[in-house]
Amino acid sequence: MRIAQVSPLHESVPPRGYGGTERVVAYLTDELVRLGHDVTLFASGDSCTSARLVPIVPRSLRTDPGSIDALAHHFVMLEQIWRAADSFDLVHYHIDYVHFGHSRRLGRPHVTTLHGRLDIPDLQPLYDEFQEMPVVSISDAQRAPLPQANWQGTVLHGLPEDLFRFEAHPGDYLTFLGRISPEKRADRAVEIARQVGWPLRAAAKVDAVDRAYFEREIQPLFEEPFVEFMGEVSGEAKGALIGGARALLFPIDWQEPFGLVMIEAMACGTPVVAWRGGSVEEIITPGVSGFIVDSLDEAVDATRRAATLDRRRVRAEFDARFTAPRMARDYLAIYEALIGAPRRAAVRTVAMQR
């Protein structure tokens, strides 16, 4: 199958640091190539991929101090996709709704994975107008605000099986990873660690829009002697941090569409203590991969219990549900339904040999 993957240009594929969407695009693209498909990736020029790369900008827009209008570059990308449309059996977009008017006139099968929050009133008239656009959710919970959308399925994220190393013997600390923002509730993580009596290692990105919140609300908490703030981490350092933790704290205060860090923790064998909301109940199996809580008192108790869970069972849950091969198979089924043709036999044989 000839597939185009269209990534946002804000981060490279995969991103050097924080960035969930581009990371998922990287894992899906490489797995489709491994299965024998002809994949073209539209992304920033500093991306690293086994697919054919079409570089729209020299480097990710977030790392380019001269970039002010990100939307302009995405419109250039859409024009390049238009010109190459006959080269693809299907175009898979990861750039939200920016391309809807373009895709309505493209004349090629296409699908869009919606990676962000959808509980925004401004989206209602948009999806009323573009009801025919085929879209994929990353959790069933994500869909709730837009029942009128043309849902093709839910595909939970997956990671390469060897991306994170299983750690049977963790250290004596808790960890919080992600982004510093009001809805991520790093303050809850600090309070849980305080009450449990274990150190907290926090690794998080601080966007410009959240800088004032961080300095006012979170930075003073990170000055506690039991808290170590590590800034933004990636690669081996990230795996070592998660794998060495007794538990990952995921104390969200919003309807999280997915939460990639939860399955990253599971890949390391690290249990997750997560607040109920959004995708959490679709990802965490209570008593197996972690616990789901509704209050601070429950979180403190669950964190102590999480450290006693069998880490091999946590990893087994990841292997069964959250690998890149499973994610790719789910997307291929959607691609085939949209194209209306079965996969080539040679590709099916490769997949069956897994």
Protein backbone atom coordinates (compact mmCIF):
# COMPACT_ATOMS: atom_id res chain seq x y z
CA MET A 1 0.00 0.00 0.00
CA ARG A 2 1.26 3.52 -0.84
CA ILE A 3 0.65 5.63 2.26
CA ALA A 4 1.38 9.27 3.02
CA GLN A 5 1.82 10.21 6.67
CA VAL A 6 1.36 13.95 7.32
CA SER A 7 2.86 15.24 10.55
CA PRO A 8 2.64 18.61 12.28
CA LEU A 9 5.76 20.70 11.67
CA HIS A 10 6.13 22.05 15.20
CA GLU A 11 8.37 19.13 16.24
CA SER A 12 10.59 16.72 14.38
CA VAL A 13 9.51 13.11 13.85
CA PRO A 14 10.26 11.81 16.40
CA PRO A 15 10.65 14.90 18.61
CA ARG A 16 13.92 15.51 20.43
CA GLY A 17 12.06 16.15 23.69
CA TYR A 18 8.40 16.47 24.60
CA GLY A 19 5.87 15.84 21.84
CA GLY A 20 3.25 13.10 21.74
CA THR A 21 1.75 13.43 18.26
CA GLU A 22 5.04 13.43 16.37
CA ARG A 23 6.28 10.51 18.46
CA VAL A 24 3.26 8.41 17.53
CA VAL A 25 3.66 9.38 13.86
CA ALA A 26 7.27 8.15 14.02
CA TYR A 27 6.37 4.79 15.55
CA LEU A 28 3.47 4.19 13.15
CA THR A 29 5.48 5.20 10.08
CA ASP A 30 8.45 2.98 10.87
CA GLU A 31 6.22 0.01 11.65
CA LEU A 32 4.33 0.39 8.36
CA VAL A 33 7.66 0.45 6.51
CA ARG A 34 8.78 -2.65 8.43
CA LEU A 35 5.62 -4.41 7.28
CA GLY A 36 6.55 -3.72 3.65
CA HIS A 37 4.41 -0.70 2.80
CA ASP A 38 5.59 2.23 0.67
CA VAL A 39 5.38 5.16 3.08
CA THR A 40 6.10 8.83 2.46
CA LEU A 41 6.41 11.13 5.47
CA PHE A 42 5.68 14.86 5.18
CA ALA A 43 7.47 16.47 8.12
CA SER A 44 10.28 18.79 9.16
CA GLY A 45 13.70 18.21 7.63
CA ASP A 46 15.32 17.22 10.95
CA SER A 47 13.07 14.16 11.19
CA CYS A 48 14.55 10.66 11.32
CA THR A 49 12.54 7.98 9.56
CA SER A 50 12.79 4.76 7.59
CA ALA A 51 10.15 6.15 5.19
CA ARG A 52 10.70 8.49 2.26
CA LEU A 53 10.95 11.95 3.83
CA VAL A 54 9.52 15.07 2.20
CA PRO A 55 11.02 17.93 4.24
CA ILE A 56 8.65 20.89 4.32
CA VAL A 57 10.86 23.08 6.53
CA PRO A 58 14.56 22.59 7.36
CA ARG A 59 13.90 21.97 11.04
CA SER A 60 11.05 21.80 13.52
CA LEU A 61 9.29 25.12 13.88
CA ARG A 62 9.61 25.14 17.67
CA THR A 63 13.40 25.13 17.36
CA ASP A 64 13.46 27.80 14.64
CA PRO A 65 13.65 31.28 16.23
CA GLY A 66 12.78 32.85 12.88
CA SER A 67 9.45 31.04 12.60
CA ILE A 68 6.45 33.17 13.56
CA ASP A 69 3.54 31.89 11.44
CA ALA A 70 3.45 28.09 11.64
CA LEU A 71 0.21 27.87 9.66
CA ALA A 72 1.90 29.25 6.53
CA HIS A 73 4.24 26.24 6.36
CA HIS A 74 1.36 23.82 6.82
CA PHE A 75 -0.42 25.34 3.81
CA VAL A 76 2.73 24.85 1.75
CA MET A 77 2.71 21.21 2.86
CA LEU A 78 -0.90 20.77 1.77
CA GLU A 79 -0.02 22.08 -1.69
CA GLN A 80 2.80 19.55 -1.99
CA ILE A 81 0.45 16.75 -0.98
CA TRP A 82 -2.02 17.95 -3.64
CA ARG A 83 0.65 17.73 -6.32
CA ALA A 84 1.69 14.22 -5.27
CA ALA A 85 -1.81 12.89 -4.55
CA ASP A 86 -1.80 10.34 -7.40
CA SER A 87 1.26 8.70 -5.82
CA PHE A 88 -0.70 7.51 -2.79
CA ASP A 89 -3.43 4.99 -2.11
CA LEU A 90 -4.29 6.86 1.07
CA VAL A 91 -3.22 10.01 2.94
CA HIS A 92 -3.14 9.84 6.74
CA TYR A 93 -3.24 13.27 8.39
CA HIS A 94 -2.14 14.11 11.93
CA ILE A 95 -2.59 17.90 11.63
CA ASP A 96 -6.07 18.26 13.09
CA TYR A 97 -8.66 19.94 10.81
CA VAL A 98 -6.31 22.25 8.87
CA HIS A 99 -6.64 20.18 5.70
CA PHE A 100 -10.41 19.55 5.68
CA GLY A 101 -11.26 21.94 2.83
CA HIS A 102 -8.24 20.68 0.89
CA SER A 103 -9.13 17.00 1.44
CA ARG A 104 -12.75 17.55 0.42
CA ARG A 105 -11.40 18.33 -3.07
CA LEU A 106 -8.39 15.99 -3.11
CA GLY A 107 -10.12 13.01 -4.67
CA ARG A 108 -8.01 10.45 -2.75
CA PRO A 109 -8.88 8.24 0.23
CA HIS A 110 -7.75 9.88 3.45
CA VAL A 111 -8.17 9.71 7.20
CA THR A 112 -7.31 11.98 10.10
CA THR A 113 -6.24 10.96 13.58
CA LEU A 114 -7.42 13.56 16.07
CA HIS A 115 -4.74 13.79 18.75
CA GLY A 116 -6.03 16.65 20.89
CA ARG A 117 -8.96 17.68 23.04
CA LEU A 118 -12.32 17.98 21.33
CA ASP A 119 -14.43 19.52 24.12
CA ILE A 120 -14.18 22.98 22.57
CA PRO A 121 -17.42 24.72 21.51
CA ASP A 122 -15.77 26.23 18.41
CA LEU A 123 -15.40 22.73 16.94
CA GLN A 124 -19.15 22.07 16.74
CA PRO A 125 -19.89 24.14 13.59
CA LEU A 126 -16.68 22.85 11.99
CA TYR A 127 -17.69 19.21 12.34
CA ASP A 128 -21.26 20.03 11.37
CA GLU A 129 -19.89 21.37 8.08
CA PHE A 130 -17.31 18.62 7.50
CA GLN A 131 -19.32 15.60 8.65
CA GLU A 132 -17.98 13.45 5.81
CA MET A 133 -14.34 13.74 6.92
CA PRO A 134 -13.19 10.27 8.10
CA VAL A 135 -11.56 10.59 11.51
CA VAL A 136 -9.98 8.29 14.09
CA SER A 137 -10.01 8.77 17.86
CA ILE A 138 -7.14 7.81 20.16
CA SER A 139 -9.58 6.80 22.92
CA ASP A 140 -13.32 6.26 23.05
CA ALA A 141 -13.58 8.98 25.68
CA GLN A 142 -12.09 11.53 23.29
CA ARG A 143 -15.09 11.17 20.95
CA ALA A 144 -17.82 12.21 23.38
CA PRO A 145 -18.02 15.94 22.47
CA LEU A 146 -18.36 15.25 18.72
CA PRO A 147 -20.92 12.47 18.13
CA GLN A 148 -21.62 13.89 14.66
CA ALA A 149 -18.08 13.23 13.41
CA ASN A 150 -17.45 10.47 10.88
CA TRP A 151 -15.64 8.11 13.26
CA GLN A 152 -13.83 5.23 11.57
CA GLY A 153 -12.57 3.65 14.78
CA THR A 154 -10.50 4.13 17.91
CA VAL A 155 -6.81 3.25 17.72
CA LEU A 156 -4.98 3.31 21.02
CA HIS A 157 -1.35 4.39 20.76
CA GLY A 158 1.47 1.87 20.65
CA LEU A 159 5.23 1.91 21.18
CA PRO A 160 8.05 -0.15 19.64
CA GLU A 161 8.47 -3.25 21.77
CA ASP A 162 12.16 -2.58 22.43
CA LEU A 163 11.92 1.18 22.97
CA PHE A 164 11.93 0.96 26.77
CA ARG A 165 13.76 -1.60 28.87
CA PHE A 166 11.87 -3.52 31.51
CA GLU A 167 13.18 -2.77 35.00
CA ALA A 168 12.47 -5.41 37.62
CA HIS A 169 14.25 -3.60 40.45
CA PRO A 170 13.23 0.08 40.72
CA GLY A 171 14.70 2.77 42.93
CA ASP A 172 13.05 4.44 45.92
CA TYR A 173 11.38 7.42 44.22
CA LEU A 174 8.19 8.43 42.42
CA THR A 175 8.13 10.25 39.11
CA PHE A 176 6.01 12.78 37.25
CA LEU A 177 6.59 13.36 33.53
CA GLY A 178 4.94 15.54 30.96
CA ARG A 179 4.17 19.21 30.70
CA ILE A 180 3.72 21.84 33.37
CA SER A 181 0.19 23.21 32.98
CA PRO A 182 -2.87 23.61 35.22
CA GLU A 183 -4.57 20.50 33.82
CA LYS A 184 -1.54 18.23 34.40
CA ARG A 185 -1.54 19.00 38.16
CA ALA A 186 2.11 18.64 39.10
CA ASP A 187 1.07 20.11 42.46
CA ARG A 188 -0.87 16.94 43.21
CA ALA A 189 2.22 14.85 42.46
CA VAL A 190 4.24 16.86 44.99
CA GLU A 191 1.58 16.45 47.68
CA ILE A 192 1.30 12.70 47.07
CA ALA A 193 5.06 12.32 47.44
CA ARG A 194 4.98 14.42 50.62
CA GLN A 195 2.33 12.27 52.25
CA VAL A 196 3.78 8.95 51.12
CA GLY A 197 7.25 10.04 52.24
CA TRP A 198 9.11 9.14 49.06
CA PRO A 199 11.22 11.44 46.86
CA LEU A 200 9.72 12.80 43.65
CA ARG A 201 11.65 13.25 40.43
CA ALA A 202 9.77 15.53 38.06
CA ALA A 203 10.70 15.84 34.39
CA ALA A 204 8.57 18.29 32.50
CA LYS A 205 8.45 20.81 29.69
CA VAL A 206 7.38 24.38 30.45
CA ASP A 207 5.78 26.07 27.43
CA ALA A 208 5.87 29.85 27.15
CA VAL A 209 2.10 30.02 27.68
CA ASP A 210 2.51 28.21 31.03
CA ARG A 211 5.64 30.01 32.23
CA ALA A 212 3.78 32.40 34.56
CA TYR A 213 1.75 29.52 36.05
CA PHE A 214 4.93 27.50 36.59
CA GLU A 215 6.76 30.34 38.33
CA ARG A 216 3.77 31.26 40.49
CA GLU A 217 2.30 27.87 41.42
CA ILE A 218 4.73 25.04 40.73
CA GLN A 219 8.30 26.29 41.02
CA PRO A 220 7.98 26.95 44.78
CA LEU A 221 6.76 23.37 45.26
CA PHE A 222 9.74 22.03 43.32
CA GLU A 223 12.03 23.71 45.83
CA GLU A 224 10.97 21.21 48.50
CA PRO A 225 13.94 19.05 49.58
CA PHE A 226 12.23 15.82 48.52
CA VAL A 227 11.59 17.08 44.96
CA GLU A 228 14.12 17.03 42.12
CA PHE A 229 13.10 18.97 39.00
CA MET A 230 14.97 17.63 35.97
CA GLY A 231 13.49 19.81 33.22
CA GLU A 232 12.68 18.15 29.91
CA VAL A 233 14.18 14.67 29.38
CA SER A 234 14.15 12.27 26.43
CA GLY A 235 15.82 9.14 25.07
CA GLU A 236 17.73 6.87 27.42
CA ALA A 237 17.47 9.35 30.28
CA LYS A 238 13.69 9.21 30.06
CA GLY A 239 13.62 5.43 30.05
CA ALA A 240 15.99 5.24 33.01
CA LEU A 241 13.91 7.77 34.96
CA ILE A 242 10.62 5.96 34.40
CA GLY A 243 12.05 2.48 34.84
CA GLY A 244 13.73 3.39 38.11
CA ALA A 245 10.54 4.74 39.70
CA ARG A 246 8.35 2.84 42.12
CA ALA A 247 5.34 4.40 40.40
CA LEU A 248 4.46 7.03 37.83
CA LEU A 249 2.04 9.69 39.04
CA PHE A 250 -0.51 10.86 36.48
CA PRO A 251 -2.66 13.28 38.49
CA ILE A 252 -4.56 14.92 35.62
CA ASP A 253 -7.43 17.37 36.06
CA TRP A 254 -8.94 17.24 32.57
CA GLN A 255 -10.34 14.82 29.98
CA GLU A 256 -6.98 13.51 28.72
CA PRO A 257 -7.37 12.17 25.13
CA PHE A 258 -4.69 9.51 25.71
CA GLY A 259 -1.63 10.12 27.91
CA LEU A 260 1.35 8.49 26.19
CA VAL A 261 3.47 8.51 29.34
CA MET A 262 1.16 5.91 30.91
CA ILE A 263 2.09 3.25 28.37
CA GLU A 264 5.73 4.35 28.44
CA ALA A 265 5.67 3.55 32.15
CA MET A 266 3.99 0.21 31.53
CA ALA A 267 6.70 -0.69 29.01
CA CYS A 268 9.25 -0.24 31.82
CA GLY A 269 7.15 -2.30 34.23
CA THR A 270 6.36 0.80 36.29
CA PRO A 271 2.83 0.96 37.75
CA VAL A 272 0.73 4.09 37.17
CA VAL A 273 -1.41 5.96 39.68
CA ALA A 274 -3.83 8.07 37.65
CA TRP A 275 -6.80 10.32 38.34
CA ARG A 276 -9.99 9.17 36.66
CA GLY A 277 -10.70 11.15 33.48
CA GLY A 278 -10.61 10.91 29.73
CA SER A 279 -8.74 7.86 28.48
CA VAL A 280 -7.45 6.66 31.85
CA GLU A 281 -10.03 3.90 32.31
CA GLU A 282 -9.26 2.58 28.81
CA ILE A 283 -5.53 2.31 29.53
CA ILE A 284 -5.03 1.37 33.18
CA THR A 285 -6.20 -2.02 34.45
CA PRO A 286 -6.67 -1.52 38.20
CA GLY A 287 -4.61 -3.88 40.31
CA VAL A 288 -2.57 -4.96 37.27
CA SER A 289 -0.92 -1.94 35.63
CA GLY A 290 -1.73 0.52 38.40
CA PHE A 291 -4.68 2.20 40.09
CA ILE A 292 -7.33 4.78 39.19
CA VAL A 293 -8.25 7.30 41.88
CA ASP A 294 -10.71 10.12 42.51
CA SER A 295 -9.13 11.95 45.45
CA LEU A 296 -5.82 12.80 47.05
CA ASP A 297 -6.40 10.34 49.91
CA GLU A 298 -7.09 7.55 47.41
CA ALA A 299 -3.96 8.53 45.47
CA VAL A 300 -1.74 8.33 48.55
CA ASP A 301 -3.06 4.87 49.42
CA ALA A 302 -2.86 3.69 45.79
CA THR A 303 0.74 4.89 45.47
CA ARG A 304 1.82 2.78 48.42
CA ARG A 305 -0.03 -0.24 46.97
CA ALA A 306 1.30 0.36 43.45
CA ALA A 307 4.84 -0.27 44.66
CA THR A 308 3.80 -3.82 45.58
CA LEU A 309 2.39 -4.74 42.14
CA ASP A 310 4.13 -7.36 40.01
CA ARG A 311 6.16 -5.33 37.51
CA ARG A 312 6.29 -8.27 35.10
CA ARG A 313 2.49 -8.21 34.89
CA VAL A 314 2.65 -4.46 34.19
CA ARG A 315 5.00 -5.13 31.27
CA ALA A 316 2.83 -8.03 30.07
CA GLU A 317 -0.13 -5.66 29.91
CA PHE A 318 1.92 -3.37 27.68
CA ASP A 319 2.96 -6.27 25.43
CA ALA A 320 -0.63 -7.39 25.03
CA ARG A 321 -2.23 -4.02 24.32
CA PHE A 322 0.12 -1.15 23.53
CA THR A 323 2.77 -2.11 20.98
CA ALA A 324 3.45 -0.41 17.64
CA PRO A 325 2.68 -3.59 15.64
CA ARG A 326 -0.81 -3.71 17.17
CA MET A 327 -1.31 0.00 16.45
CA ALA A 328 -0.21 -0.46 12.83
CA ARG A 329 -2.55 -3.43 12.32
CA ASP A 330 -5.47 -1.39 13.63
CA TYR A 331 -4.69 1.47 11.25
CA LEU A 332 -4.22 -0.87 8.30
CA ALA A 333 -7.71 -2.27 8.86
CA ILE A 334 -9.09 1.28 8.69
CA TYR A 335 -7.01 2.10 5.60
CA GLU A 336 -8.31 -0.99 3.82
CA ALA A 337 -11.92 -0.19 4.67
CA LEU A 338 -11.50 3.33 3.27
CA ILE A 339 -9.72 2.18 0.13
CA GLY A 340 -12.09 -0.73 -0.37
CA ALA A 341 -9.37 -3.23 -1.23
CA PRO A 342 -7.53 -5.94 0.73
CA ARG A 343 -3.88 -5.71 1.64
CA ARG A 344 -1.38 -7.25 -0.75
CA ALA A 345 -0.68 -10.90 0.02
CA ALA A 346 3.04 -10.29 0.43
CA VAL A 347 2.42 -7.72 3.13
CA ARG A 348 -0.06 -9.99 4.89
CA THR A 349 2.54 -12.76 4.96
CA VAL A 350 5.08 -10.48 6.58
CA ALA A 351 2.56 -9.45 9.22
CA MET A 352 1.65 -13.08 10.02
CA GLN A 353 5.28 -13.92 10.66
CA ARG A 354 5.39 -11.59 13.67
